């Protein structure tokens, strides 16, 4: 990935594990301030490293999502 430091990698890993984790929880786990986490998420989004956030569902709803996503391409 593009010029990412250890904190960026740790933040991405934490978001992959729980994309709904509150900023305060992420900050506590990473040992940084909430402002740092917020700033890093914003920066990673602006750089195109984080492309967005999504919800994964099981079963038929997931299949329907894929069909909808394919239809928009």
PDB file of N, CA and C in Angstrom:
ATOM      1  N   UNK A   1       0.838  -1.183   0.000  1.00  0.00           N
ATOM      2  CA  UNK A   1       0.000   0.000   0.000  1.00  0.00           C
ATOM      3  C   UNK A   1       0.881   1.245   0.000  1.00  0.00           C
ATOM      4  N   UNK A   2       0.295   2.352  -0.342  1.00  0.00           N
ATOM      5  CA  UNK A   2       1.033   3.603  -0.565  1.00  0.00           C
ATOM      6  C   UNK A   2       1.514   4.276   0.715  1.00  0.00           C
ATOM      7  N   UNK A   3       2.794   4.300   0.941  1.00  0.00           N
ATOM      8  CA  UNK A   3       3.394   5.074   2.027  1.00  0.00           C
ATOM      9  C   UNK A   3       2.642   4.973   3.350  1.00  0.00           C
ATOM     10  N   UNK A   4       2.303   3.777   3.749  1.00  0.00           N
ATOM     11  CA  UNK A   4       1.598   3.593   5.012  1.00  0.00           C
ATOM     12  C   UNK A   4       2.593   3.229   6.096  1.00  0.00           C
ATOM     13  N   UNK A   5       2.396   3.809   7.278  1.00  0.00           N
ATOM     14  CA  UNK A   5       3.257   3.471   8.399  1.00  0.00           C
ATOM     15  C   UNK A   5       2.589   2.395   9.253  1.00  0.00           C
ATOM     16  N   UNK A   6       3.247   2.033  10.330  1.00  0.00           N
ATOM     17  CA  UNK A   6       2.746   0.957  11.193  1.00  0.00           C
ATOM     18  C   UNK A   6       1.368   1.288  11.772  1.00  0.00           C
ATOM     19  N   UNK A   7       1.146   2.551  12.110  1.00  0.00           N
ATOM     20  CA  UNK A   7      -0.152   2.945  12.664  1.00  0.00           C
ATOM     21  C   UNK A   7      -1.255   2.794  11.621  1.00  0.00           C
ATOM     22  N   UNK A   8      -0.973   3.202  10.387  1.00  0.00           N
ATOM     23  CA  UNK A   8      -1.962   3.035   9.324  1.00  0.00           C
ATOM     24  C   UNK A   8      -2.328   1.560   9.156  1.00  0.00           C
ATOM     25  N   UNK A   9      -1.324   0.701   9.128  1.00  0.00           N
ATOM     26  CA  UNK A   9      -1.572  -0.731   8.978  1.00  0.00           C
ATOM     27  C   UNK A   9      -2.376  -1.283  10.154  1.00  0.00           C
ATOM     28  N   UNK A  10      -2.036  -0.844  11.358  1.00  0.00           N
ATOM     29  CA  UNK A  10      -2.768  -1.300  12.542  1.00  0.00           C
ATOM     30  C   UNK A  10      -4.210  -0.811  12.512  1.00  0.00           C
ATOM     31  N   UNK A  11      -4.422   0.415  12.087  1.00  0.00           N
ATOM     32  CA  UNK A  11      -5.773   0.967  11.993  1.00  0.00           C
ATOM     33  C   UNK A  11      -6.596   0.208  10.960  1.00  0.00           C
ATOM     34  N   UNK A  12      -6.000  -0.067   9.808  1.00  0.00           N
ATOM     35  CA  UNK A  12      -6.706  -0.820   8.774  1.00  0.00           C
ATOM     36  C   UNK A  12      -7.062  -2.215   9.286  1.00  0.00           C
ATOM     37  N   UNK A  13      -6.146  -2.859   9.973  1.00  0.00           N
ATOM     38  CA  UNK A  13      -6.419  -4.189  10.531  1.00  0.00           C
ATOM     39  C   UNK A  13      -7.566  -4.129  11.533  1.00  0.00           C
ATOM     40  N   UNK A  14      -7.565  -3.106  12.368  1.00  0.00           N
ATOM     41  CA  UNK A  14      -8.630  -2.964  13.362  1.00  0.00           C
ATOM     42  C   UNK A  14      -9.974  -2.716  12.683  1.00  0.00           C
ATOM     43  N   UNK A  15      -9.983  -1.916  11.633  1.00  0.00           N
ATOM     44  CA  UNK A  15     -11.228  -1.651  10.907  1.00  0.00           C
ATOM     45  C   UNK A  15     -11.714  -2.890  10.158  1.00  0.00           C
ATOM     46  N   UNK A  16     -10.794  -3.682   9.655  1.00  0.00           N
ATOM     47  CA  UNK A  16     -11.189  -4.935   9.002  1.00  0.00           C
ATOM     48  C   UNK A  16     -11.821  -5.887  10.009  1.00  0.00           C
ATOM     49  N   UNK A  17     -11.285  -5.901  11.210  1.00  0.00           N
ATOM     50  CA  UNK A  17     -11.824  -6.777  12.252  1.00  0.00           C
ATOM     51  C   UNK A  17     -13.195  -6.313  12.723  1.00  0.00           C
ATOM     52  N   UNK A  18     -13.376  -4.996  12.823  1.00  0.00           N
ATOM     53  CA  UNK A  18     -14.652  -4.440  13.275  1.00  0.00           C
ATOM     54  C   UNK A  18     -14.815  -3.049  12.698  1.00  0.00           C
ATOM     55  N   UNK A  19     -15.424  -2.971  11.545  1.00  0.00           N
ATOM     56  CA  UNK A  19     -15.609  -1.697  10.865  1.00  0.00           C
ATOM     57  C   UNK A  19     -16.557  -0.755  11.575  1.00  0.00           C
ATOM     58  N   UNK A  20     -17.275  -1.271  12.573  1.00  0.00           N
ATOM     59  CA  UNK A  20     -18.206  -0.434  13.332  1.00  0.00           C
ATOM     60  C   UNK A  20     -17.625   0.019  14.666  1.00  0.00           C
ATOM     61  N   UNK A  21     -16.382  -0.300  14.919  1.00  0.00           N
ATOM     62  CA  UNK A  21     -15.768   0.082  16.190  1.00  0.00           C
ATOM     63  C   UNK A  21     -15.757   1.601  16.321  1.00  0.00           C
ATOM     64  N   UNK A  22     -16.151   2.112  17.479  1.00  0.00           N
ATOM     65  CA  UNK A  22     -16.108   3.559  17.695  1.00  0.00           C
ATOM     66  C   UNK A  22     -14.672   4.079  17.654  1.00  0.00           C
ATOM     67  N   UNK A  23     -14.531   5.308  17.249  1.00  0.00           N
ATOM     68  CA  UNK A  23     -13.205   5.943  17.172  1.00  0.00           C
ATOM     69  C   UNK A  23     -12.501   5.869  18.526  1.00  0.00           C
ATOM     70  N   UNK A  24     -13.230   6.083  19.604  1.00  0.00           N
ATOM     71  CA  UNK A  24     -12.616   6.035  20.936  1.00  0.00           C
ATOM     72  C   UNK A  24     -12.035   4.656  21.226  1.00  0.00           C
ATOM     73  N   UNK A  25     -12.738   3.611  20.828  1.00  0.00           N
ATOM     74  CA  UNK A  25     -12.237   2.249  21.042  1.00  0.00           C
ATOM     75  C   UNK A  25     -11.001   1.986  20.187  1.00  0.00           C
ATOM     76  N   UNK A  26     -11.043   2.414  18.932  1.00  0.00           N
ATOM     77  CA  UNK A  26      -9.875   2.255  18.064  1.00  0.00           C
ATOM     78  C   UNK A  26      -8.675   2.989  18.649  1.00  0.00           C
ATOM     79  N   UNK A  27      -8.896   4.201  19.106  1.00  0.00           N
ATOM     80  CA  UNK A  27      -7.811   4.997  19.693  1.00  0.00           C
ATOM     81  C   UNK A  27      -7.213   4.293  20.902  1.00  0.00           C
ATOM     82  N   UNK A  28      -8.076   3.764  21.746  1.00  0.00           N
ATOM     83  CA  UNK A  28      -7.608   3.072  22.947  1.00  0.00           C
ATOM     84  C   UNK A  28      -6.778   1.842  22.561  1.00  0.00           C
ATOM     85  N   UNK A  29      -7.264   1.054  21.593  1.00  0.00           N
ATOM     86  CA  UNK A  29      -6.537  -0.144  21.164  1.00  0.00           C
ATOM     87  C   UNK A  29      -5.191   0.196  20.534  1.00  0.00           C
ATOM     88  N   UNK A  30      -5.148   1.310  19.816  1.00  0.00           N
ATOM     89  CA  UNK A  30      -3.922   1.681  19.103  1.00  0.00           C
ATOM     90  C   UNK A  30      -2.994   2.566  19.924  1.00  0.00           C
ATOM     91  N   UNK A  31      -3.465   3.037  21.064  1.00  0.00           N
ATOM     92  CA  UNK A  31      -2.631   3.863  21.930  1.00  0.00           C
ATOM     93  C   UNK A  31      -2.414   5.273  21.405  1.00  0.00           C
ATOM     94  N   UNK A  32      -3.432   5.816  20.711  1.00  0.00           N
ATOM     95  CA  UNK A  32      -3.347   7.176  20.181  1.00  0.00           C
ATOM     96  C   UNK A  32      -4.627   7.928  20.549  1.00  0.00           C
ATOM     97  N   UNK A  33      -4.680   9.185  20.191  1.00  0.00           N
ATOM     98  CA  UNK A  33      -5.862   9.987  20.497  1.00  0.00           C
ATOM     99  C   UNK A  33      -6.975   9.740  19.478  1.00  0.00           C
ATOM    100  N   UNK A  34      -8.195  10.112  19.862  1.00  0.00           N
ATOM    101  CA  UNK A  34      -9.330  10.009  18.938  1.00  0.00           C
ATOM    102  C   UNK A  34      -9.107  10.894  17.719  1.00  0.00           C
ATOM    103  N   UNK A  35      -8.524  12.062  17.946  1.00  0.00           N
ATOM    104  CA  UNK A  35      -8.246  12.965  16.826  1.00  0.00           C
ATOM    105  C   UNK A  35      -7.295  12.321  15.823  1.00  0.00           C
ATOM    106  N   UNK A  36      -6.306  11.593  16.308  1.00  0.00           N
ATOM    107  CA  UNK A  36      -5.362  10.911  15.422  1.00  0.00           C
ATOM    108  C   UNK A  36      -6.071   9.861  14.587  1.00  0.00           C
ATOM    109  N   UNK A  37      -6.928   9.070  15.218  1.00  0.00           N
ATOM    110  CA  UNK A  37      -7.671   8.041  14.478  1.00  0.00           C
ATOM    111  C   UNK A  37      -8.558   8.687  13.424  1.00  0.00           C
ATOM    112  N   UNK A  38      -9.287   9.720  13.809  1.00  0.00           N
ATOM    113  CA  UNK A  38     -10.169  10.408  12.874  1.00  0.00           C
ATOM    114  C   UNK A  38      -9.383  10.965  11.695  1.00  0.00           C
ATOM    115  N   UNK A  39      -8.265  11.600  11.997  1.00  0.00           N
ATOM    116  CA  UNK A  39      -7.422  12.192  10.954  1.00  0.00           C
ATOM    117  C   UNK A  39      -6.858  11.105  10.028  1.00  0.00           C
ATOM    118  N   UNK A  40      -6.431   9.988  10.601  1.00  0.00           N
ATOM    119  CA  UNK A  40      -5.873   8.901   9.793  1.00  0.00           C
ATOM    120  C   UNK A  40      -6.937   8.281   8.883  1.00  0.00           C
ATOM    121  N   UNK A  41      -8.138   8.056   9.412  1.00  0.00           N
ATOM    122  CA  UNK A  41      -9.216   7.500   8.580  1.00  0.00           C
ATOM    123  C   UNK A  41      -9.518   8.451   7.432  1.00  0.00           C
ATOM    124  N   UNK A  42      -9.604   9.743   7.718  1.00  0.00           N
ATOM    125  CA  UNK A  42      -9.865  10.739   6.679  1.00  0.00           C
ATOM    126  C   UNK A  42      -8.755  10.722   5.625  1.00  0.00           C
ATOM    127  N   UNK A  43      -7.521  10.693   6.070  1.00  0.00           N
ATOM    128  CA  UNK A  43      -6.382  10.694   5.157  1.00  0.00           C
ATOM    129  C   UNK A  43      -6.367   9.432   4.298  1.00  0.00           C
ATOM    130  N   UNK A  44      -6.609   8.280   4.910  1.00  0.00           N
ATOM    131  CA  UNK A  44      -6.625   7.028   4.166  1.00  0.00           C
ATOM    132  C   UNK A  44      -7.762   7.005   3.143  1.00  0.00           C
ATOM    133  N   UNK A  45      -8.866   7.625   3.475  1.00  0.00           N
ATOM    134  CA  UNK A  45      -9.986   7.727   2.537  1.00  0.00           C
ATOM    135  C   UNK A  45      -9.635   8.648   1.377  1.00  0.00           C
ATOM    136  N   UNK A  46      -9.047   9.801   1.690  1.00  0.00           N
ATOM    137  CA  UNK A  46      -8.669  10.767   0.650  1.00  0.00           C
ATOM    138  C   UNK A  46      -7.613  10.207  -0.301  1.00  0.00           C
ATOM    139  N   UNK A  47      -6.704   9.375   0.220  1.00  0.00           N
ATOM    140  CA  UNK A  47      -5.659   8.770  -0.601  1.00  0.00           C
ATOM    141  C   UNK A  47      -6.184   7.599  -1.437  1.00  0.00           C
ATOM    142  N   UNK A  48      -7.410   7.178  -1.164  1.00  0.00           N
ATOM    143  CA  UNK A  48      -7.967   6.044  -1.887  1.00  0.00           C
ATOM    144  C   UNK A  48      -7.554   4.698  -1.334  1.00  0.00           C
ATOM    145  N   UNK A  49      -6.969   4.693  -0.142  1.00  0.00           N
ATOM    146  CA  UNK A  49      -6.608   3.430   0.500  1.00  0.00           C
ATOM    147  C   UNK A  49      -7.869   2.785   1.055  1.00  0.00           C
ATOM    148  N   UNK A  50      -8.656   3.561   1.780  1.00  0.00           N
ATOM    149  CA  UNK A  50      -9.977   3.109   2.230  1.00  0.00           C
ATOM    150  C   UNK A  50     -10.963   3.582   1.177  1.00  0.00           C
ATOM    151  N   UNK A  51     -11.625   2.637   0.543  1.00  0.00           N
ATOM    152  CA  UNK A  51     -12.544   2.970  -0.541  1.00  0.00           C
ATOM    153  C   UNK A  51     -13.964   3.169  -0.060  1.00  0.00           C
ATOM    154  N   UNK A  52     -14.258   2.714   1.142  1.00  0.00           N
ATOM    155  CA  UNK A  52     -15.597   2.866   1.683  1.00  0.00           C
ATOM    156  C   UNK A  52     -15.828   1.845   2.779  1.00  0.00           C
ATOM    157  N   UNK A  53     -17.014   1.859   3.280  1.00  0.00           N
ATOM    158  CA  UNK A  53     -17.405   0.945   4.338  1.00  0.00           C
ATOM    159  C   UNK A  53     -18.632   0.203   3.855  1.00  0.00           C
ATOM    160  N   UNK A  54     -18.750  -1.048   4.229  1.00  0.00           N
ATOM    161  CA  UNK A  54     -19.845  -1.859   3.728  1.00  0.00           C
ATOM    162  C   UNK A  54     -20.363  -2.785   4.814  1.00  0.00           C
ATOM    163  N   UNK A  55     -21.490  -3.385   4.519  1.00  0.00           N
ATOM    164  CA  UNK A  55     -22.090  -4.375   5.404  1.00  0.00           C
ATOM    165  C   UNK A  55     -22.087  -5.706   4.678  1.00  0.00           C
ATOM    166  N   UNK A  56     -21.687  -6.755   5.356  1.00  0.00           N
ATOM    167  CA  UNK A  56     -21.731  -8.099   4.783  1.00  0.00           C
ATOM    168  C   UNK A  56     -22.885  -8.840   5.415  1.00  0.00           C
ATOM    169  N   UNK A  57     -23.679  -9.484   4.589  1.00  0.00           N
ATOM    170  CA  UNK A  57     -24.826 -10.244   5.081  1.00  0.00           C
ATOM    171  C   UNK A  57     -24.754 -11.665   4.549  1.00  0.00           C
ATOM    172  N   UNK A  58     -25.459 -12.557   5.204  1.00  0.00           N
ATOM    173  CA  UNK A  58     -25.445 -13.962   4.815  1.00  0.00           C
ATOM    174  C   UNK A  58     -26.638 -14.296   3.927  1.00  0.00           C
ATOM    175  N   UNK A  59     -26.480 -15.353   3.159  1.00  0.00           N
ATOM    176  CA  UNK A  59     -27.600 -15.923   2.428  1.00  0.00           C
ATOM    177  C   UNK A  59     -28.081 -15.119   1.242  1.00  0.00           C
ATOM    178  N   UNK A  60     -29.383 -15.137   1.030  1.00  0.00           N
ATOM    179  CA  UNK A  60     -29.994 -14.532  -0.147  1.00  0.00           C
ATOM    180  C   UNK A  60     -29.757 -13.032  -0.228  1.00  0.00           C
ATOM    181  N   UNK A  61     -29.730 -12.358   0.891  1.00  0.00           N
ATOM    182  CA  UNK A  61     -29.508 -10.918   0.861  1.00  0.00           C
ATOM    183  C   UNK A  61     -28.141 -10.611   0.272  1.00  0.00           C
ATOM    184  N   UNK A  62     -27.147 -11.416   0.584  1.00  0.00           N
ATOM    185  CA  UNK A  62     -25.808 -11.205   0.027  1.00  0.00           C
ATOM    186  C   UNK A  62     -25.818 -11.429  -1.475  1.00  0.00           C
ATOM    187  N   UNK A  63     -26.496 -12.454  -1.936  1.00  0.00           N
ATOM    188  CA  UNK A  63     -26.585 -12.723  -3.363  1.00  0.00           C
ATOM    189  C   UNK A  63     -27.273 -11.567  -4.082  1.00  0.00           C
ATOM    190  N   UNK A  64     -28.334 -11.020  -3.493  1.00  0.00           N
ATOM    191  CA  UNK A  64     -29.045  -9.892  -4.095  1.00  0.00           C
ATOM    192  C   UNK A  64     -28.135  -8.680  -4.190  1.00  0.00           C
ATOM    193  N   UNK A  65     -27.307  -8.460  -3.172  1.00  0.00           N
ATOM    194  CA  UNK A  65     -26.361  -7.338  -3.196  1.00  0.00           C
ATOM    195  C   UNK A  65     -25.412  -7.475  -4.366  1.00  0.00           C
ATOM    196  N   UNK A  66     -24.900  -8.674  -4.566  1.00  0.00           N
ATOM    197  CA  UNK A  66     -23.963  -8.881  -5.672  1.00  0.00           C
ATOM    198  C   UNK A  66     -24.642  -8.617  -7.017  1.00  0.00           C
ATOM    199  N   UNK A  67     -25.860  -9.042  -7.159  1.00  0.00           N
ATOM    200  CA  UNK A  67     -26.575  -8.785  -8.411  1.00  0.00           C
ATOM    201  C   UNK A  67     -26.764  -7.292  -8.616  1.00  0.00           C
ATOM    202  N   UNK A  68     -27.104  -6.568  -7.545  1.00  0.00           N
ATOM    203  CA  UNK A  68     -27.287  -5.107  -7.650  1.00  0.00           C
ATOM    204  C   UNK A  68     -25.975  -4.430  -7.996  1.00  0.00           C
ATOM    205  N   UNK A  69     -24.905  -4.841  -7.343  1.00  0.00           N
ATOM    206  CA  UNK A  69     -23.599  -4.241  -7.590  1.00  0.00           C
ATOM    207  C   UNK A  69     -23.159  -4.511  -9.024  1.00  0.00           C
ATOM    208  N   UNK A  70     -23.390  -5.714  -9.515  1.00  0.00           N
ATOM    209  CA  UNK A  70     -23.029  -6.037 -10.898  1.00  0.00           C
ATOM    210  C   UNK A  70     -23.820  -5.207 -11.888  1.00  0.00           C
ATOM    211  N   UNK A  71     -25.053  -4.915 -11.554  1.00  0.00           N
ATOM    212  CA  UNK A  71     -25.928  -4.159 -12.454  1.00  0.00           C
ATOM    213  C   UNK A  71     -25.480  -2.706 -12.592  1.00  0.00           C
ATOM    214  N   UNK A  72     -24.751  -2.197 -11.606  1.00  0.00           N
ATOM    215  CA  UNK A  72     -24.317  -0.799 -11.651  1.00  0.00           C
ATOM    216  C   UNK A  72     -23.020  -0.608 -12.404  1.00  0.00           C
ATOM    217  N   UNK A  73     -22.364  -1.685 -12.781  1.00  0.00           N
ATOM    218  CA  UNK A  73     -21.076  -1.582 -13.488  1.00  0.00           C
ATOM    219  C   UNK A  73     -21.275  -1.314 -14.951  1.00  0.00           C
TER     220      UNK A  73
END
